[in-house]
Amino acid sequence: MTEPSMVEAAATTTNAAPSSSAPASTSATAEKLYGDGQKPTATQEPQAAKAAAAEPVAGDQPAAEPEAKAEAKAAPEKYEFKVPEGRQFDAEVLTTYSEVARELNLSQEAAQRVLDAMAPKMAERQMAQIEAVRTGWAESSKGDKEFGGEKLPENLSVAKKALDAFGTTELRSLLNESGLGNHPEVIRFMYRAGKAISEDRMVTGTRGAAKPAGPRSFNDLADALYSA
């Protein structure tokens, strides 16, 4: 047998209890249903619904606040990027990046964060590419038919004579920092110049005349380098 519902139980209890009048029975039933001894009237129910609808829901925000946040995150008229110490950004690359960031409506802070995250990796990749080029130059020089191979150390010593004779401190720095000192054509030039200097120091010439030792003028050296 199923148990009676709350309404049915309330009605059974009311019918079983002695009553003096109908209004008292109705009041007792209402007390069991609503707990406060009063049954809400038809007028009270709509008012309660209106009050609940008018009450703001927790967590709701004014309509103007999201617009204010969107405006705060909008892209600036011009980005002002901070460059890490000891590093330099290419102006053309920054210009292109600024255009893309503006199209994406990135704020100054967001655009800077993306740049800070990407710049080290880009610099690392660039250095790896430069190092690969330098290594390629060195390998070509080692196998060069004119000065490379087994006699490479000896021939590099000859090339160094030209650098010592005509090179400046600035030229040495350029060759070392750029990696051009490994380029086969640069080594070839210095090797031939070094050979010309070494040959010039020997006793040569017609009628037994000896030429003075030491480097000659640039024109004389060029003639020795490029003459057939």
Foldseek 3Di string as FASTA:
>chain_A
DDDDDQLVVLVVVLVVDDDPDDVVSVQSSCCSVPVPSDDDDPVVVVVVVVVVVPDDDPPDDDPCVVVVVLVQQFADPDADEDDDPPDDDDPVVVVVLSVVCNVVRGYNVRSNVVCVVCVVVVVVVVVVVQVVVLVVLQVCQQPPPPQHDPNVVVLLVLLVQQCVQPNDPVRVCCCVVNSVVSHNVSSVVSSLLSVLLVVLQDADDPPRHGHHHDDDDPVVSVCSRPPD
